[in-house]
Amino acid sequence: MDKLLKLLMNNQNRGTRPKAKVQEKEATIYLYDTIGNDLWGGINATIMVKEINDLKVNMIHVRINSPGGDVFGARAIHTALSQHPAKIITHIDGLAASAASYLALAADEIEIAEGAFFMIHDAWAFQIGDKNDMLSMAELLEKIDGTLVADYQKKTGREEAEIKAWMSAETWFTAEEAFEAGFVDRIYEGKKAENKFDLSAFRNAPKDLEAGNNFDLTITSQMELWIAAEQETLSEKIQEKEAEYESCKAAQARKRQLALMQLTA
């Protein structure tokens, strides 16, 4: 099976729907899924780009826990973030692998959690056709790799040959290694990140991140996070409706008072 298809299909329904939470002039976006499309679930770039462009805030926090996916989808989201006037901070909460590692570079500041991982590799693609189609795809992949190398170089200041070697080897960086290599600006303390994704499509995934190791535990924690966010949103809507109700009651009371005054006049 094609590696990209395997990654997307094996992680269907393991992530959580992207959500932008806005509070005053700050927004927090949770990208806790594969970067794909509606066929296998995951983060839909078309929808995500529109939501980013609609944000009227001064600060955007992008929280990432993703095994990657479609590089073009990641590039579209990266572009939307980098062109947004707000200050962007990406937080790698668990995993920024493959296309998700590139997405993280859209920020003005990048931080990674203790125990989290950052992975880069040569681009993947799915192609059906004859030898000419395959050669064309190979040329396209080489161009994609070139753009990724340039962006990784810009962030890290490392030599092109070193970046290419890391990508060719499918290199997994610990938080400390990612900081030393220049991919992130700082490490933040907290609960050690636990993997919930199937990483069997990759050839060098660390043993402690093997598929299913902590799936039950982490999916529960992510659901709790999602439920808490939904409850907070519902609470805000209830408060808005209560305020509208009280405003209507006050308006009705004023009308009745005015009507009584007219009758007694």
C-alpha atoms as a PDB file:
ATOM      1  CA  MET A   1       0.000   0.000   0.000  1.00  0.00           C
ATOM      2  CA  ASP A   2       1.198   3.535  -0.739  1.00  0.00           C
ATOM      3  CA  LYS A   3       2.762   5.054   2.378  1.00  0.00           C
ATOM      4  CA  LEU A   4       0.669   8.228   2.291  1.00  0.00           C
ATOM      5  CA  LEU A   5      -2.578   6.296   1.890  1.00  0.00           C
ATOM      6  CA  LYS A   6      -1.537   3.953   4.681  1.00  0.00           C
ATOM      7  CA  LEU A   7      -0.831   6.875   7.013  1.00  0.00           C
ATOM      8  CA  LEU A   8      -4.200   8.511   6.327  1.00  0.00           C
ATOM      9  CA  MET A   9      -6.284   5.334   6.391  1.00  0.00           C
ATOM     10  CA  ASN A  10      -4.666   3.848   9.502  1.00  0.00           C
ATOM     11  CA  ASN A  11      -5.281   7.045  11.449  1.00  0.00           C
ATOM     12  CA  GLN A  12      -8.863   7.622  10.389  1.00  0.00           C
ATOM     13  CA  ASN A  13     -10.950   8.709  13.402  1.00  0.00           C
ATOM     14  CA  ARG A  14      -7.928   8.781  15.725  1.00  0.00           C
ATOM     15  CA  GLY A  15      -7.667  12.546  15.780  1.00  0.00           C
ATOM     16  CA  THR A  16     -10.026  15.298  16.870  1.00  0.00           C
ATOM     17  CA  ARG A  17     -11.825  17.783  14.659  1.00  0.00           C
ATOM     18  CA  PRO A  18      -9.854  21.033  14.208  1.00  0.00           C
ATOM     19  CA  LYS A  19     -11.266  23.755  16.392  1.00  0.00           C
ATOM     20  CA  ALA A  20     -10.483  27.442  16.722  1.00  0.00           C
ATOM     21  CA  LYS A  21     -11.240  28.821  20.172  1.00  0.00           C
ATOM     22  CA  VAL A  22     -11.382  32.617  20.343  1.00  0.00           C
ATOM     23  CA  GLN A  23     -11.138  34.608  23.539  1.00  0.00           C
ATOM     24  CA  GLU A  24     -10.979  38.377  23.232  1.00  0.00           C
ATOM     25  CA  LYS A  25      -8.110  39.077  20.790  1.00  0.00           C
ATOM     26  CA  GLU A  26      -6.445  35.647  20.966  1.00  0.00           C
ATOM     27  CA  ALA A  27      -7.299  32.441  19.144  1.00  0.00           C
ATOM     28  CA  THR A  28      -6.163  28.876  19.796  1.00  0.00           C
ATOM     29  CA  ILE A  29      -6.330  26.323  16.993  1.00  0.00           C
ATOM     30  CA  TYR A  30      -5.995  22.616  17.780  1.00  0.00           C
ATOM     31  CA  LEU A  31      -4.512  20.599  14.899  1.00  0.00           C
ATOM     32  CA  TYR A  32      -4.693  17.139  16.470  1.00  0.00           C
ATOM     33  CA  ASP A  33      -5.138  14.933  13.419  1.00  0.00           C
ATOM     34  CA  THR A  34      -3.705  13.902  10.075  1.00  0.00           C
ATOM     35  CA  ILE A  35      -3.579  16.527   7.336  1.00  0.00           C
ATOM     36  CA  GLY A  36      -5.833  15.103   4.677  1.00  0.00           C
ATOM     37  CA  ASN A  37      -9.343  15.487   3.377  1.00  0.00           C
ATOM     38  CA  ASP A  38     -12.888  14.337   4.013  1.00  0.00           C
ATOM     39  CA  LEU A  39     -12.294  10.899   2.442  1.00  0.00           C
ATOM     40  CA  TRP A  40     -10.347   9.621   5.474  1.00  0.00           C
ATOM     41  CA  GLY A  41     -11.158  12.412   7.867  1.00  0.00           C
ATOM     42  CA  GLY A  42      -8.330  14.562   9.097  1.00  0.00           C
ATOM     43  CA  ILE A  43      -7.697  18.280   8.793  1.00  0.00           C
ATOM     44  CA  ASN A  44      -9.333  19.680   5.668  1.00  0.00           C
ATOM     45  CA  ALA A  45      -7.046  22.448   4.400  1.00  0.00           C
ATOM     46  CA  THR A  46      -9.787  24.244   2.469  1.00  0.00           C
ATOM     47  CA  ILE A  47     -11.947  24.605   5.571  1.00  0.00           C
ATOM     48  CA  MET A  48      -8.990  25.359   7.839  1.00  0.00           C
ATOM     49  CA  VAL A  49      -7.642  28.137   5.607  1.00  0.00           C
ATOM     50  CA  LYS A  50     -11.036  29.850   5.555  1.00  0.00           C
ATOM     51  CA  GLU A  51     -11.340  29.655   9.343  1.00  0.00           C
ATOM     52  CA  ILE A  52      -7.852  31.129   9.758  1.00  0.00           C
ATOM     53  CA  ASN A  53      -8.586  33.973   7.348  1.00  0.00           C
ATOM     54  CA  ASP A  54     -11.813  34.760   9.236  1.00  0.00           C
ATOM     55  CA  LEU A  55     -10.017  35.195  12.571  1.00  0.00           C
ATOM     56  CA  LYS A  56      -9.947  38.841  13.685  1.00  0.00           C
ATOM     57  CA  VAL A  57      -7.366  38.537  16.445  1.00  0.00           C
ATOM     58  CA  ASN A  58      -3.901  39.790  17.385  1.00  0.00           C
ATOM     59  CA  MET A  59      -2.482  36.431  18.489  1.00  0.00           C
ATOM     60  CA  ILE A  60      -2.954  32.883  17.196  1.00  0.00           C
ATOM     61  CA  HIS A  61      -1.733  29.836  19.124  1.00  0.00           C
ATOM     62  CA  VAL A  62      -1.524  26.726  16.952  1.00  0.00           C
ATOM     63  CA  ARG A  63      -1.340  23.518  18.997  1.00  0.00           C
ATOM     64  CA  ILE A  64      -0.024  20.584  16.959  1.00  0.00           C
ATOM     65  CA  ASN A  65      -0.211  16.850  17.505  1.00  0.00           C
ATOM     66  CA  SER A  66      -0.145  15.336  14.025  1.00  0.00           C
ATOM     67  CA  PRO A  67       1.648  12.544  12.133  1.00  0.00           C
ATOM     68  CA  GLY A  68       1.454  14.651   8.977  1.00  0.00           C
ATOM     69  CA  GLY A  69      -0.246  13.830   5.698  1.00  0.00           C
ATOM     70  CA  ASP A  70      -0.833  15.847   2.546  1.00  0.00           C
ATOM     71  CA  VAL A  71       2.084  18.224   1.961  1.00  0.00           C
ATOM     72  CA  PHE A  72      -0.008  20.538  -0.234  1.00  0.00           C
ATOM     73  CA  GLY A  73      -2.667  20.797   2.444  1.00  0.00           C
ATOM     74  CA  ALA A  74       0.030  21.618   4.984  1.00  0.00           C
ATOM     75  CA  ARG A  75       1.481  24.243   2.662  1.00  0.00           C
ATOM     76  CA  ALA A  76      -1.933  25.877   2.222  1.00  0.00           C
ATOM     77  CA  ILE A  77      -2.439  26.091   5.997  1.00  0.00           C
ATOM     78  CA  HIS A  78       1.171  27.271   6.438  1.00  0.00           C
ATOM     79  CA  THR A  79       0.579  30.069   3.919  1.00  0.00           C
ATOM     80  CA  ALA A  80      -2.671  31.163   5.578  1.00  0.00           C
ATOM     81  CA  LEU A  81      -0.965  31.351   8.968  1.00  0.00           C
ATOM     82  CA  SER A  82       2.184  33.104   7.745  1.00  0.00           C
ATOM     83  CA  GLN A  83       0.146  35.722   5.855  1.00  0.00           C
ATOM     84  CA  HIS A  84      -2.208  36.422   8.765  1.00  0.00           C
ATOM     85  CA  PRO A  85      -1.447  39.770  10.459  1.00  0.00           C
ATOM     86  CA  ALA A  86      -1.596  38.209  13.940  1.00  0.00           C
ATOM     87  CA  LYS A  87       1.450  36.986  15.818  1.00  0.00           C
ATOM     88  CA  ILE A  88       1.653  33.202  15.411  1.00  0.00           C
ATOM     89  CA  ILE A  89       3.009  30.789  18.029  1.00  0.00           C
ATOM     90  CA  THR A  90       3.030  27.052  17.321  1.00  0.00           C
ATOM     91  CA  HIS A  91       3.099  24.606  20.221  1.00  0.00           C
ATOM     92  CA  ILE A  92       4.134  21.035  19.404  1.00  0.00           C
ATOM     93  CA  ASP A  93       2.189  19.219  22.103  1.00  0.00           C
ATOM     94  CA  GLY A  94       2.931  15.660  21.012  1.00  0.00           C
ATOM     95  CA  LEU A  95       4.060  15.084  17.448  1.00  0.00           C
ATOM     96  CA  ALA A  96       4.922  17.238  14.439  1.00  0.00           C
ATOM     97  CA  ALA A  97       5.884  14.663  11.840  1.00  0.00           C
ATOM     98  CA  SER A  98       6.147  14.780   8.066  1.00  0.00           C
ATOM     99  CA  ALA A  99       3.954  17.573   6.652  1.00  0.00           C
ATOM    100  CA  ALA A 100       3.062  18.716  10.185  1.00  0.00           C
ATOM    101  CA  SER A 101       6.709  19.630  10.798  1.00  0.00           C
ATOM    102  CA  TYR A 102       6.544  22.050   7.881  1.00  0.00           C
ATOM    103  CA  LEU A 103       3.240  23.460   9.092  1.00  0.00           C
ATOM    104  CA  ALA A 104       4.885  24.292  12.428  1.00  0.00           C
ATOM    105  CA  LEU A 105       7.337  26.601  10.641  1.00  0.00           C
ATOM    106  CA  ALA A 106       4.570  29.106   9.845  1.00  0.00           C
ATOM    107  CA  ALA A 107       4.995  30.678  13.283  1.00  0.00           C
ATOM    108  CA  ASP A 108       6.912  33.639  14.618  1.00  0.00           C
ATOM    109  CA  GLU A 109       7.812  31.408  17.574  1.00  0.00           C
ATOM    110  CA  ILE A 110       7.894  27.606  17.855  1.00  0.00           C
ATOM    111  CA  GLU A 111       7.922  25.680  21.097  1.00  0.00           C
ATOM    112  CA  ILE A 112       7.866  21.952  21.777  1.00  0.00           C
ATOM    113  CA  ALA A 113       6.760  19.950  24.799  1.00  0.00           C
ATOM    114  CA  GLU A 114       9.116  17.735  26.739  1.00  0.00           C
ATOM    115  CA  GLY A 115       8.755  14.237  25.331  1.00  0.00           C
ATOM    116  CA  ALA A 116       7.337  15.432  22.008  1.00  0.00           C
ATOM    117  CA  PHE A 117       8.883  14.590  18.628  1.00  0.00           C
ATOM    118  CA  PHE A 118       9.668  16.466  15.415  1.00  0.00           C
ATOM    119  CA  MET A 119      10.240  14.451  12.226  1.00  0.00           C
ATOM    120  CA  ILE A 120      11.304  15.358   8.686  1.00  0.00           C
ATOM    121  CA  HIS A 121      11.605  13.113   5.625  1.00  0.00           C
ATOM    122  CA  ASP A 122      11.505  13.117   1.827  1.00  0.00           C
ATOM    123  CA  ALA A 123       8.081  13.902   0.393  1.00  0.00           C
ATOM    124  CA  TRP A 124       5.637  11.093  -0.424  1.00  0.00           C
ATOM    125  CA  ALA A 125       3.003  10.900  -3.142  1.00  0.00           C
ATOM    126  CA  PHE A 126       0.439   8.553  -4.609  1.00  0.00           C
ATOM    127  CA  GLN A 127       0.526   8.052  -8.387  1.00  0.00           C
ATOM    128  CA  ILE A 128      -1.190   5.746 -10.883  1.00  0.00           C
ATOM    129  CA  GLY A 129      -0.071   5.552 -14.503  1.00  0.00           C
ATOM    130  CA  ASP A 130       2.692   4.536 -16.881  1.00  0.00           C
ATOM    131  CA  LYS A 131       6.425   5.155 -16.683  1.00  0.00           C
ATOM    132  CA  ASN A 132       6.019   8.719 -17.928  1.00  0.00           C
ATOM    133  CA  ASP A 133       3.536   9.474 -15.145  1.00  0.00           C
ATOM    134  CA  MET A 134       5.931   7.986 -12.615  1.00  0.00           C
ATOM    135  CA  LEU A 135       8.866  10.018 -13.923  1.00  0.00           C
ATOM    136  CA  SER A 136       6.765  13.176 -13.801  1.00  0.00           C
ATOM    137  CA  MET A 137       5.805  12.433 -10.206  1.00  0.00           C
ATOM    138  CA  ALA A 138       9.460  11.824  -9.307  1.00  0.00           C
ATOM    139  CA  GLU A 139      10.351  15.229 -10.747  1.00  0.00           C
ATOM    140  CA  LEU A 140       7.535  16.846  -8.771  1.00  0.00           C
ATOM    141  CA  LEU A 141       8.665  15.157  -5.533  1.00  0.00           C
ATOM    142  CA  GLU A 142      12.202  16.402  -6.112  1.00  0.00           C
ATOM    143  CA  LYS A 143      10.889  19.952  -6.451  1.00  0.00           C
ATOM    144  CA  ILE A 144       8.785  19.565  -3.306  1.00  0.00           C
ATOM    145  CA  ASP A 145      11.816  18.323  -1.398  1.00  0.00           C
ATOM    146  CA  GLY A 146      13.753  21.326  -2.633  1.00  0.00           C
ATOM    147  CA  THR A 147      11.197  23.773  -1.265  1.00  0.00           C
ATOM    148  CA  LEU A 148      11.088  21.929   2.066  1.00  0.00           C
ATOM    149  CA  VAL A 149      14.878  21.960   2.343  1.00  0.00           C
ATOM    150  CA  ALA A 150      14.917  25.706   1.700  1.00  0.00           C
ATOM    151  CA  ASP A 151      12.311  26.363   4.408  1.00  0.00           C
ATOM    152  CA  TYR A 152      14.042  24.105   6.940  1.00  0.00           C
ATOM    153  CA  GLN A 153      17.328  25.876   6.142  1.00  0.00           C
ATOM    154  CA  LYS A 154      15.753  29.279   6.642  1.00  0.00           C
ATOM    155  CA  LYS A 155      14.568  28.278  10.106  1.00  0.00           C
ATOM    156  CA  THR A 156      17.646  26.388  11.302  1.00  0.00           C
ATOM    157  CA  GLY A 157      20.521  28.028   9.448  1.00  0.00           C
ATOM    158  CA  ARG A 158      21.903  24.548   8.727  1.00  0.00           C
ATOM    159  CA  GLU A 159      23.683  23.502   5.528  1.00  0.00           C
ATOM    160  CA  GLU A 160      21.598  22.192   2.629  1.00  0.00           C
ATOM    161  CA  ALA A 161      23.459  18.866   2.573  1.00  0.00           C
ATOM    162  CA  GLU A 162      22.762  18.302   6.269  1.00  0.00           C
ATOM    163  CA  ILE A 163      19.028  18.985   5.879  1.00  0.00           C
ATOM    164  CA  LYS A 164      18.852  16.683   2.849  1.00  0.00           C
ATOM    165  CA  ALA A 165      20.590  13.912   4.770  1.00  0.00           C
ATOM    166  CA  TRP A 166      18.149  14.254   7.671  1.00  0.00           C
ATOM    167  CA  MET A 167      15.193  14.113   5.287  1.00  0.00           C
ATOM    168  CA  SER A 168      16.556  11.130   3.350  1.00  0.00           C
ATOM    169  CA  ALA A 169      17.087   9.231   6.604  1.00  0.00           C
ATOM    170  CA  GLU A 170      13.607  10.043   7.983  1.00  0.00           C
ATOM    171  CA  THR A 171      15.029  11.680  11.085  1.00  0.00           C
ATOM    172  CA  TRP A 172      13.049  11.786  14.324  1.00  0.00           C
ATOM    173  CA  PHE A 173      14.155  14.555  16.683  1.00  0.00           C
ATOM    174  CA  THR A 174      13.427  14.551  20.392  1.00  0.00           C
ATOM    175  CA  ALA A 175      12.448  17.903  21.875  1.00  0.00           C
ATOM    176  CA  GLU A 176      16.046  18.503  22.919  1.00  0.00           C
ATOM    177  CA  GLU A 177      17.421  17.498  19.513  1.00  0.00           C
ATOM    178  CA  ALA A 178      14.888  19.658  17.671  1.00  0.00           C
ATOM    179  CA  PHE A 179      15.960  22.616  19.815  1.00  0.00           C
ATOM    180  CA  GLU A 180      19.655  21.953  19.236  1.00  0.00           C
ATOM    181  CA  ALA A 181      19.090  21.615  15.477  1.00  0.00           C
ATOM    182  CA  GLY A 182      17.261  24.951  15.408  1.00  0.00           C
ATOM    183  CA  PHE A 183      13.802  23.731  14.391  1.00  0.00           C
ATOM    184  CA  VAL A 184      12.198  25.083  17.576  1.00  0.00           C
ATOM    185  CA  ASP A 185      12.868  28.116  19.735  1.00  0.00           C
ATOM    186  CA  ARG A 186      12.255  26.612  23.150  1.00  0.00           C
ATOM    187  CA  ILE A 187      11.088  23.573  25.118  1.00  0.00           C
ATOM    188  CA  TYR A 188       8.203  23.851  27.535  1.00  0.00           C
ATOM    189  CA  GLU A 189       7.694  21.691  30.581  1.00  0.00           C
ATOM    190  CA  GLY A 190       4.624  19.658  31.228  1.00  0.00           C
ATOM    191  CA  LYS A 191       3.176  16.164  31.106  1.00  0.00           C
ATOM    192  CA  LYS A 192       5.128  13.930  28.749  1.00  0.00           C
ATOM    193  CA  ALA A 193       3.335  13.682  25.410  1.00  0.00           C
ATOM    194  CA  GLU A 194       1.819  10.299  24.573  1.00  0.00           C
ATOM    195  CA  ASN A 195       1.280   9.011  21.060  1.00  0.00           C
ATOM    196  CA  LYS A 196      -2.170   8.018  19.828  1.00  0.00           C
ATOM    197  CA  PHE A 197      -1.395   7.621  16.120  1.00  0.00           C
ATOM    198  CA  ASP A 198      -0.514   4.600  14.000  1.00  0.00           C
ATOM    199  CA  LEU A 199       2.990   5.352  12.727  1.00  0.00           C
ATOM    200  CA  SER A 200       3.589   2.061  10.915  1.00  0.00           C
ATOM    201  CA  ALA A 201       3.793   3.898   7.558  1.00  0.00           C
ATOM    202  CA  PHE A 202       7.136   5.331   8.691  1.00  0.00           C
ATOM    203  CA  ARG A 203      10.313   3.250   8.742  1.00  0.00           C
ATOM    204  CA  ASN A 204      12.108   4.823  11.695  1.00  0.00           C
ATOM    205  CA  ALA A 205       9.417   5.718  14.220  1.00  0.00           C
ATOM    206  CA  PRO A 206      10.845   5.422  17.760  1.00  0.00           C
ATOM    207  CA  LYS A 207       9.879   2.230  19.576  1.00  0.00           C
ATOM    208  CA  ASP A 208       8.091   4.081  22.357  1.00  0.00           C
ATOM    209  CA  LEU A 209       5.823   5.645  19.714  1.00  0.00           C
ATOM    210  CA  GLU A 210       4.744   2.358  18.133  1.00  0.00           C
ATOM    211  CA  ALA A 211       1.118   2.144  17.013  1.00  0.00           C
ATOM    212  CA  GLY A 212      -1.491   1.740  19.703  1.00  0.00           C
ATOM    213  CA  ASN A 213       0.870   1.963  22.696  1.00  0.00           C
ATOM    214  CA  ASN A 214      -1.155   4.633  24.447  1.00  0.00           C
ATOM    215  CA  PHE A 215      -4.160   5.004  22.163  1.00  0.00           C
ATOM    216  CA  ASP A 216      -6.878   4.327  24.732  1.00  0.00           C
ATOM    217  CA  LEU A 217      -5.358   6.685  27.279  1.00  0.00           C
ATOM    218  CA  THR A 218      -4.651   9.542  24.888  1.00  0.00           C
ATOM    219  CA  ILE A 219      -7.942   9.373  23.020  1.00  0.00           C
ATOM    220  CA  THR A 220      -9.661   9.675  26.373  1.00  0.00           C
ATOM    221  CA  SER A 221      -7.594  12.727  27.294  1.00  0.00           C
ATOM    222  CA  GLN A 222      -8.251  14.327  23.900  1.00  0.00           C
ATOM    223  CA  MET A 223     -11.974  13.665  24.203  1.00  0.00           C
ATOM    224  CA  GLU A 224     -11.914  15.285  27.623  1.00  0.00           C
ATOM    225  CA  LEU A 225     -10.186  18.307  26.064  1.00  0.00           C
ATOM    226  CA  TRP A 226     -12.756  18.434  23.285  1.00  0.00           C
ATOM    227  CA  ILE A 227     -15.708  18.049  25.656  1.00  0.00           C
ATOM    228  CA  ALA A 228     -14.340  20.789  27.917  1.00  0.00           C
ATOM    229  CA  ALA A 229     -14.016  23.145  24.946  1.00  0.00           C
ATOM    230  CA  GLU A 230     -17.542  22.324  23.777  1.00  0.00           C
ATOM    231  CA  GLN A 231     -18.937  22.840  27.284  1.00  0.00           C
ATOM    232  CA  GLU A 232     -17.233  26.203  27.505  1.00  0.00           C
ATOM    233  CA  THR A 233     -18.690  27.230  24.148  1.00  0.00           C
ATOM    234  CA  LEU A 234     -22.160  26.035  25.211  1.00  0.00           C
ATOM    235  CA  SER A 235     -21.860  27.945  28.477  1.00  0.00           C
ATOM    236  CA  GLU A 236     -21.032  31.129  26.574  1.00  0.00           C
ATOM    237  CA  LYS A 237     -24.045  30.643  24.299  1.00  0.00           C
ATOM    238  CA  ILE A 238     -26.330  30.084  27.297  1.00  0.00           C
ATOM    239  CA  GLN A 239     -25.062  33.286  28.895  1.00  0.00           C
ATOM    240  CA  GLU A 240     -25.716  35.177  25.665  1.00  0.00           C
ATOM    241  CA  LYS A 241     -29.268  33.818  25.483  1.00  0.00           C
ATOM    242  CA  GLU A 242     -29.879  34.662  29.134  1.00  0.00           C
ATOM    243  CA  ALA A 243     -28.694  38.215  28.507  1.00  0.00           C
ATOM    244  CA  GLU A 244     -31.011  38.478  25.490  1.00  0.00           C
ATOM    245  CA  TYR A 245     -33.905  37.132  27.599  1.00  0.00           C
ATOM    246  CA  GLU A 246     -33.291  39.646  30.367  1.00  0.00           C
ATOM    247  CA  SER A 247     -33.077  42.438  27.805  1.00  0.00           C
ATOM    248  CA  CYS A 248     -36.409  41.352  26.295  1.00  0.00           C
ATOM    249  CA  LYS A 249     -38.004  41.190  29.754  1.00  0.00           C
ATOM    250  CA  ALA A 250     -36.841  44.699  30.522  1.00  0.00           C
ATOM    251  CA  ALA A 251     -38.158  45.982  27.187  1.00  0.00           C
ATOM    252  CA  GLN A 252     -41.552  44.319  27.788  1.00  0.00           C
ATOM    253  CA  ALA A 253     -41.718  45.824  31.281  1.00  0.00           C
ATOM    254  CA  ARG A 254     -41.050  49.297  29.878  1.00  0.00           C
ATOM    255  CA  LYS A 255     -43.801  48.811  27.290  1.00  0.00           C
ATOM    256  CA  ARG A 256     -46.308  47.758  29.965  1.00  0.00           C
ATOM    257  CA  GLN A 257     -45.376  50.703  32.145  1.00  0.00           C
ATOM    258  CA  LEU A 258     -45.787  53.090  29.219  1.00  0.00           C
ATOM    259  CA  ALA A 259     -49.175  51.540  28.369  1.00  0.00           C
ATOM    260  CA  LEU A 260     -50.384  51.973  31.982  1.00  0.00           C
ATOM    261  CA  MET A 261     -49.259  55.587  31.999  1.00  0.00           C
ATOM    262  CA  GLN A 262     -51.237  56.239  28.818  1.00  0.00           C
ATOM    263  CA  LEU A 263     -54.369  54.579  30.274  1.00  0.00           C
ATOM    264  CA  THR A 264     -54.235  56.628  33.492  1.00  0.00           C
ATOM    265  CA  ALA A 265     -53.492  59.890  31.699  1.00  0.00           C
END
